[in-house]
């Protein structure tokens, strides 16, 4: 019998962590062609689609956190989830990967340039993409971690979601409000021309917020939407056709199909993959610098692209696990703000909803969206 997403994803036996890990691996695969020196590919859209998928899942998971907490608690928890791992990654790139790159490029590593890389990018806005001449030997070009650009958009999504879900009318009419946003944003994305330079941030935000609020819409309808293999198959075909057709079609028409497909997989896939440790964020942020080193070593000239991707994942995974165990999980364990306790009338105790425990689990472990892009 088909289950609703609300019931299927409420317990600890869902596979959303595994879905996110697969999406992070897909990002690494998509980057392999350019970083490994293999040239262009018709599969380049897979990475961009993984971005969209992470935003969709984030919207579904984070909406509940905002509804349960005031804005200060909500945004503090979101900052705890994204900044510590991000900051440590900047340090590792500047102090570990960049010296390796300098050695392979026959260039010098300048500590001042490394510290500037950390300082100038610490706000999530990526101002410095390179560190001196340490990427001279890279087939891809001068960018130590192209994936990090998207984290800024993630935090923008957190803020927009936090503000909108603080409006009483939106809270009371969440499905309608999210539905309006999901209908309008793709149209706005199509209507706005492709802007150059920093202004392109608007194009990216319209695209990514469309998927984020598709996730919010799914959360609002979680007790009405049911798992269906037939609908999931239709959604998968829609995404594939759009992906191989055009970038605009992919971004404008698939927020709802992709969101449904990923939630269906997370609801029905039975696996222990990533059940206890959430390495998806770490795999995403460390995959790119690992691939840059492999590209400079000339691995792309020795093995096919699929082997390059597998080696990249294998080398990035230990860093991802270390990031989760040593940085991300301890940071989320810090209680920097008190948890809001809902008011309960003493004379009439209010029973906790069946999904309350799982919802709090989502709030604690939900990773920041892992994105790939320019």
Protein backbone atom coordinates (compact mmCIF):
# COMPACT_ATOMS: atom_id res chain seq x y z
CA UNK A 1 0.00 0.00 0.00
CA UNK A 2 1.29 3.45 -0.94
CA UNK A 3 2.41 5.59 1.96
CA UNK A 4 2.44 9.34 2.24
CA UNK A 5 5.77 11.11 2.26
CA UNK A 6 4.91 12.33 5.74
CA UNK A 7 4.73 8.83 7.16
CA UNK A 8 7.41 7.28 4.97
CA UNK A 9 10.02 9.91 5.84
CA UNK A 10 9.11 10.38 9.49
CA UNK A 11 11.18 7.51 10.86
CA UNK A 12 14.88 6.72 10.82
CA UNK A 13 14.51 4.11 8.07
CA UNK A 14 14.27 6.60 5.20
CA UNK A 15 17.10 6.92 2.69
CA UNK A 16 17.40 10.68 2.24
CA UNK A 17 21.01 10.64 3.44
CA UNK A 18 21.80 8.02 0.81
CA UNK A 19 20.05 10.06 -1.88
CA UNK A 20 22.14 13.10 -0.95
CA UNK A 21 25.33 11.05 -1.02
CA UNK A 22 24.50 9.82 -4.52
CA UNK A 23 23.82 13.39 -5.64
CA UNK A 24 27.21 14.47 -4.27
CA UNK A 25 28.85 11.62 -6.19
CA UNK A 26 27.00 12.75 -9.34
CA UNK A 27 28.52 16.21 -8.90
CA UNK A 28 32.01 14.67 -8.86
CA UNK A 29 31.18 12.64 -11.97
CA UNK A 30 29.96 15.74 -13.80
CA UNK A 31 33.15 17.65 -12.95
CA UNK A 32 35.39 14.81 -14.09
CA UNK A 33 35.21 15.66 -17.79
CA UNK A 34 36.60 19.18 -17.48
CA UNK A 35 39.00 18.67 -14.56
CA UNK A 36 40.38 15.44 -16.00
CA UNK A 37 40.92 17.06 -19.41
CA UNK A 38 38.39 14.90 -21.27
CA UNK A 39 36.60 17.84 -22.89
CA UNK A 40 32.89 18.55 -23.17
CA UNK A 41 30.13 15.97 -22.66
CA UNK A 42 26.41 15.64 -23.16
CA UNK A 43 26.19 14.60 -19.51
CA UNK A 44 27.27 17.98 -18.13
CA UNK A 45 23.71 18.66 -16.96
CA UNK A 46 23.93 15.85 -14.38
CA UNK A 47 25.92 18.06 -12.02
CA UNK A 48 23.56 20.99 -12.39
CA UNK A 49 20.61 18.69 -11.81
CA UNK A 50 22.21 17.44 -8.61
CA UNK A 51 22.33 21.05 -7.46
CA UNK A 52 18.64 21.36 -8.10
CA UNK A 53 17.97 18.14 -6.24
CA UNK A 54 19.88 19.22 -3.17
CA UNK A 55 17.93 22.44 -3.03
CA UNK A 56 14.65 20.56 -3.34
CA UNK A 57 15.54 18.22 -0.48
CA UNK A 58 16.78 21.13 1.61
CA UNK A 59 13.49 22.97 1.18
CA UNK A 60 11.57 19.90 2.30
CA UNK A 61 13.76 19.33 5.36
CA UNK A 62 14.33 22.91 6.48
CA UNK A 63 10.73 24.18 6.25
CA UNK A 64 9.79 22.14 9.30
CA UNK A 65 12.68 23.60 11.26
CA UNK A 66 11.44 27.13 10.62
CA UNK A 67 7.87 26.25 11.62
CA UNK A 68 9.09 24.77 14.91
CA UNK A 69 11.48 27.53 15.94
CA UNK A 70 11.69 31.29 16.04
CA UNK A 71 13.89 33.01 13.47
CA UNK A 72 16.91 33.47 15.77
CA UNK A 73 17.08 29.80 16.70
CA UNK A 74 16.38 28.72 13.11
CA UNK A 75 19.05 30.85 11.43
CA UNK A 76 21.63 30.09 14.12
CA UNK A 77 21.15 26.37 13.56
CA UNK A 78 21.46 26.84 9.81
CA UNK A 79 24.69 28.80 10.25
CA UNK A 80 26.04 26.05 12.52
CA UNK A 81 25.37 23.53 9.80
CA UNK A 82 27.03 25.33 6.92
CA UNK A 83 29.83 27.62 8.16
CA UNK A 84 32.14 25.36 10.26
CA UNK A 85 32.62 22.73 7.55
CA UNK A 86 32.96 25.45 4.93
CA UNK A 87 35.59 27.39 6.92
CA UNK A 88 37.67 24.27 7.60
CA UNK A 89 37.50 23.41 3.90
CA UNK A 90 38.90 26.84 3.02
CA UNK A 91 41.77 26.27 5.45
CA UNK A 92 42.52 22.80 4.06
CA UNK A 93 42.54 24.12 0.49
CA UNK A 94 44.80 27.05 1.37
CA UNK A 95 47.26 25.18 3.59
CA UNK A 96 47.25 21.64 2.14
CA UNK A 97 45.94 21.49 -1.42
CA UNK A 98 47.48 24.76 -2.62
CA UNK A 99 51.07 23.76 -1.63
CA UNK A 100 50.56 20.46 -3.47
CA UNK A 101 49.29 22.40 -6.48
CA UNK A 102 52.31 24.71 -6.32
CA UNK A 103 54.66 21.73 -6.31
CA UNK A 104 52.92 20.14 -9.31
CA UNK A 105 52.77 23.45 -11.18
CA UNK A 106 56.37 24.39 -10.52
CA UNK A 107 55.18 27.56 -8.80
CA UNK A 108 55.68 29.02 -5.35
CA UNK A 109 53.17 28.90 -2.52
CA UNK A 110 52.74 32.23 -0.75
CA UNK A 111 51.32 32.06 2.82
CA UNK A 112 49.94 35.60 2.46
CA UNK A 113 47.98 34.59 -0.65
CA UNK A 114 46.72 31.48 1.15
CA UNK A 115 45.49 33.53 4.11
CA UNK A 116 43.86 36.02 1.73
CA UNK A 117 41.97 33.12 0.12
CA UNK A 118 40.56 32.13 3.52
CA UNK A 119 39.76 35.67 4.62
CA UNK A 120 38.20 36.88 1.37
CA UNK A 121 35.91 33.86 0.98
CA UNK A 122 34.86 33.36 4.60
CA UNK A 123 31.49 35.10 4.18
CA UNK A 124 30.31 32.44 1.64
CA UNK A 125 30.69 34.96 -1.18
CA UNK A 126 33.59 33.59 -3.23
CA UNK A 127 35.87 36.47 -4.19
CA UNK A 128 39.13 34.50 -4.59
CA UNK A 129 38.98 31.39 -6.76
CA UNK A 130 42.73 30.81 -7.00
CA UNK A 131 45.78 31.05 -4.77
CA UNK A 132 48.63 32.59 -6.69
CA UNK A 133 49.90 30.33 -9.49
CA UNK A 134 49.17 27.06 -7.68
CA UNK A 135 46.74 25.88 -10.40
CA UNK A 136 48.94 26.57 -13.41
CA UNK A 137 49.12 22.85 -14.29
CA UNK A 138 45.36 22.29 -14.03
CA UNK A 139 43.53 21.26 -17.24
CA UNK A 140 40.37 22.91 -15.89
CA UNK A 141 41.63 26.36 -15.00
CA UNK A 142 42.22 28.58 -12.01
CA UNK A 143 39.52 27.69 -9.49
CA UNK A 144 40.36 25.61 -6.44
CA UNK A 145 36.76 24.83 -5.60
CA UNK A 146 34.11 25.74 -8.12
CA UNK A 147 31.46 24.01 -6.00
CA UNK A 148 31.61 26.55 -3.17
CA UNK A 149 29.81 29.31 -5.07
CA UNK A 150 26.46 27.66 -4.40
CA UNK A 151 26.66 27.80 -0.61
CA UNK A 152 25.93 31.51 -0.74
CA UNK A 153 22.67 30.77 -2.55
CA UNK A 154 21.85 28.15 0.02
CA UNK A 155 22.11 30.67 2.83
CA UNK A 156 20.03 33.12 0.80
CA UNK A 157 17.38 30.39 0.57
CA UNK A 158 17.54 29.93 4.35
CA UNK A 159 16.98 33.64 4.92
CA UNK A 160 14.14 33.95 2.39
CA UNK A 161 12.44 30.84 3.79
CA UNK A 162 12.94 32.06 7.35
CA UNK A 163 11.39 35.45 6.64
CA UNK A 164 8.44 34.19 4.59
CA UNK A 165 7.55 31.41 7.02
CA UNK A 166 7.52 34.00 9.78
CA UNK A 167 4.45 35.63 8.17
CA UNK A 168 1.26 34.38 9.80
CA UNK A 169 -0.70 34.12 6.55
CA UNK A 170 2.06 32.05 4.95
CA UNK A 171 2.16 29.68 7.92
CA UNK A 172 -1.60 29.18 7.77
CA UNK A 173 -1.63 28.75 3.99
CA UNK A 174 1.77 27.16 3.42
CA UNK A 175 0.77 24.96 0.47
CA UNK A 176 -0.89 27.86 -1.34
CA UNK A 177 1.98 30.27 -0.65
CA UNK A 178 4.66 27.78 -1.70
CA UNK A 179 2.63 26.85 -4.77
CA UNK A 180 2.49 30.49 -5.86
CA UNK A 181 6.26 30.84 -5.44
CA UNK A 182 6.91 27.62 -7.39
CA UNK A 183 4.66 28.84 -10.19
CA UNK A 184 6.16 32.33 -10.42
CA UNK A 185 9.91 31.75 -10.00
CA UNK A 186 10.43 29.49 -13.06
CA UNK A 187 8.56 32.03 -15.19
CA UNK A 188 10.81 34.77 -13.80
CA UNK A 189 13.87 32.62 -14.54
CA UNK A 190 12.82 32.30 -18.19
CA UNK A 191 11.91 36.00 -18.48
CA UNK A 192 15.18 37.37 -17.06
CA UNK A 193 18.02 37.42 -19.63
CA UNK A 194 21.28 35.63 -18.91
CA UNK A 195 23.24 38.31 -17.07
CA UNK A 196 27.00 38.68 -16.98
CA UNK A 197 29.38 38.99 -14.04
CA UNK A 198 28.07 39.43 -10.50
CA UNK A 199 24.58 40.15 -11.88
CA UNK A 200 24.35 36.48 -12.88
CA UNK A 201 23.66 35.83 -9.22
CA UNK A 202 20.05 36.80 -9.97
CA UNK A 203 19.73 34.05 -12.60
CA UNK A 204 21.16 31.50 -10.19
CA UNK A 205 18.92 32.57 -7.32
CA UNK A 206 15.74 32.39 -9.43
CA UNK A 207 16.69 28.91 -10.57
CA UNK A 208 17.72 27.50 -7.21
CA UNK A 209 14.90 29.05 -5.18
CA UNK A 210 12.42 27.41 -7.58
CA UNK A 211 13.64 23.99 -6.48
CA UNK A 212 13.97 24.99 -2.84
CA UNK A 213 10.34 26.08 -2.65
CA UNK A 214 9.24 22.99 -4.55
CA UNK A 215 10.65 21.18 -1.52
CA UNK A 216 8.74 23.51 0.82
CA UNK A 217 5.56 22.77 -1.16
CA UNK A 218 6.17 19.04 -0.81
CA UNK A 219 6.61 19.51 2.94
CA UNK A 220 3.30 21.36 3.15
CA UNK A 221 1.59 18.50 1.27
CA UNK A 222 3.60 15.66 2.83
CA UNK A 223 0.53 14.03 4.39
CA UNK A 224 -1.34 14.10 1.07
CA UNK A 225 1.37 13.12 -1.41
CA UNK A 226 1.76 9.36 -1.74
CA UNK A 227 4.60 7.26 -3.08
CA UNK A 228 3.92 5.92 -6.56
CA UNK A 229 6.36 4.05 -8.77
CA UNK A 230 4.37 5.11 -11.83
CA UNK A 231 4.50 8.81 -10.96
CA UNK A 232 8.19 8.49 -10.08
CA UNK A 233 8.86 6.94 -13.50
CA UNK A 234 7.03 9.79 -15.24
CA UNK A 235 9.03 12.29 -13.16
CA UNK A 236 12.31 10.56 -14.07
CA UNK A 237 11.50 10.61 -17.79
CA UNK A 238 10.55 14.29 -17.56
CA UNK A 239 13.87 15.16 -15.92
CA UNK A 240 15.89 13.09 -18.41
CA UNK A 241 14.17 14.59 -21.46
CA UNK A 242 14.60 18.12 -20.11
CA UNK A 243 18.23 17.48 -19.21
CA UNK A 244 19.19 16.27 -22.66
CA UNK A 245 17.13 19.01 -24.35
CA UNK A 246 18.16 22.34 -22.84
CA UNK A 247 19.33 23.93 -19.61
CA UNK A 248 16.42 26.36 -19.64
CA UNK A 249 13.87 23.56 -19.98
CA UNK A 250 15.55 21.62 -17.16
CA UNK A 251 15.42 24.55 -14.74
CA UNK A 252 11.97 25.82 -15.69
CA UNK A 253 9.95 22.60 -15.86
CA UNK A 254 11.42 20.13 -13.38
CA UNK A 255 11.19 21.62 -9.86
CA UNK A 256 8.10 19.57 -9.00
CA UNK A 257 9.00 16.35 -10.93
CA UNK A 258 12.54 16.23 -9.52
CA UNK A 259 11.34 16.92 -5.98
CA UNK A 260 8.75 14.14 -6.21
CA UNK A 261 11.29 11.70 -7.70
CA UNK A 262 13.91 12.26 -4.98
CA UNK A 263 11.39 12.08 -2.14
CA UNK A 264 9.97 8.89 -3.64
CA UNK A 265 13.43 7.32 -3.78
CA UNK A 266 14.15 8.43 -0.22
CA UNK A 267 10.84 6.91 0.89
CA UNK A 268 11.09 3.55 -0.88
CA UNK A 269 14.80 2.73 -1.20
CA UNK A 270 15.90 0.37 1.54
CA UNK A 271 19.62 0.77 2.17
CA UNK A 272 22.05 1.24 5.05
CA UNK A 273 24.19 3.56 2.92
CA UNK A 274 24.87 6.77 4.89
CA UNK A 275 22.42 5.63 7.56
CA UNK A 276 24.66 6.66 10.47
CA UNK A 277 27.09 9.20 9.04
CA UNK A 278 26.15 12.04 6.71
CA UNK A 279 29.18 12.48 4.46
CA UNK A 280 27.34 14.18 1.59
CA UNK A 281 28.36 17.75 2.46
CA UNK A 282 31.99 16.77 2.90
CA UNK A 283 32.03 14.75 -0.31
CA UNK A 284 30.68 17.75 -2.14
CA UNK A 285 33.08 20.37 -0.80
CA UNK A 286 36.23 18.20 -0.97
CA UNK A 287 35.55 16.47 -4.28
CA UNK A 288 36.62 19.43 -6.41
CA UNK A 289 40.06 20.14 -4.87
CA UNK A 290 40.84 16.41 -4.86
CA UNK A 291 39.98 16.30 -8.57
CA UNK A 292 42.15 19.34 -9.25
CA UNK A 293 45.18 17.54 -7.82
CA UNK A 294 44.38 14.40 -9.84
CA UNK A 295 44.02 16.53 -12.96
CA UNK A 296 47.42 18.14 -12.39
CA UNK A 297 48.96 14.70 -11.83
CA UNK A 298 47.78 13.74 -15.32
CA UNK A 299 45.50 10.94 -14.16
CA UNK A 300 42.99 11.91 -16.83
CA UNK A 301 45.46 10.92 -19.55
CA UNK A 302 45.87 7.42 -18.08
CA UNK A 303 42.33 6.26 -17.30
CA UNK A 304 38.80 6.68 -18.73
CA UNK A 305 36.53 9.30 -17.23
CA UNK A 306 34.52 6.85 -15.14
CA UNK A 307 37.70 5.60 -13.48
CA UNK A 308 38.82 9.20 -12.85
CA UNK A 309 35.48 9.85 -11.13
CA UNK A 310 35.72 6.70 -8.98
CA UNK A 311 39.27 7.50 -7.86
CA UNK A 312 38.15 11.06 -7.04
CA UNK A 313 35.28 9.80 -4.91
CA UNK A 314 37.48 7.25 -3.15
CA UNK A 315 40.05 9.90 -2.20
CA UNK A 316 37.49 12.54 -1.22
CA UNK A 317 35.40 10.19 0.93
CA UNK A 318 37.86 9.94 3.87
CA UNK A 319 37.99 13.74 3.97
CA UNK A 320 34.20 13.80 3.94
CA UNK A 321 33.98 11.40 6.87
CA UNK A 322 36.58 13.40 8.79
CA UNK A 323 34.63 16.58 8.12
CA UNK A 324 31.43 15.00 9.44
CA UNK A 325 32.98 13.44 12.55
CA UNK A 326 35.39 16.20 13.53
CA UNK A 327 33.68 19.38 12.36
CA UNK A 328 30.06 19.21 11.22
CA UNK A 329 28.56 16.89 13.82
CA UNK A 330 30.33 18.55 16.81
CA UNK A 331 29.30 21.99 15.51
CA UNK A 332 25.67 20.92 15.30
CA UNK A 333 25.93 19.57 18.84
CA UNK A 334 26.55 23.06 20.22
CA UNK A 335 23.48 24.70 21.75
CA UNK A 336 24.14 28.36 21.05
CA UNK A 337 20.51 29.41 21.47
CA UNK A 338 17.80 27.92 23.69
CA UNK A 339 15.23 25.68 22.05
CA UNK A 340 11.78 27.17 21.94
CA UNK A 341 9.29 25.08 23.89
CA UNK A 342 5.75 25.24 22.44
CA UNK A 343 3.11 26.49 24.84
CA UNK A 344 0.86 23.76 26.22
CA UNK A 345 -2.26 24.27 28.28
CA UNK A 346 -1.57 22.46 31.60
CA UNK A 347 -5.15 21.21 31.95
CA UNK A 348 -5.22 19.66 28.48
CA UNK A 349 -1.90 18.05 27.64
CA UNK A 350 -1.16 18.12 23.90
CA UNK A 351 0.19 14.82 22.57
CA UNK A 352 3.30 15.07 20.43
CA UNK A 353 2.69 14.32 16.75
CA UNK A 354 4.00 10.98 15.59
CA UNK A 355 6.64 12.60 13.40
CA UNK A 356 7.94 15.04 16.02
CA UNK A 357 11.03 13.01 16.91
CA UNK A 358 11.93 12.47 13.28
CA UNK A 359 11.32 16.12 12.47
CA UNK A 360 13.76 17.16 15.17
CA UNK A 361 16.18 14.61 13.77
CA UNK A 362 15.85 16.29 10.36
CA UNK A 363 16.52 19.67 11.97
CA UNK A 364 19.64 18.35 13.68
CA UNK A 365 21.17 16.45 10.80
CA UNK A 366 19.79 18.10 7.66
CA UNK A 367 22.85 19.15 5.70
CA UNK A 368 23.20 22.32 3.79
CA UNK A 369 22.34 21.89 0.19
CA UNK A 370 25.30 20.65 -1.82
CA UNK A 371 25.52 22.47 -5.04
CA UNK A 372 27.61 22.67 -8.14
CA UNK A 373 27.83 25.50 -10.61
CA UNK A 374 29.85 28.24 -12.15
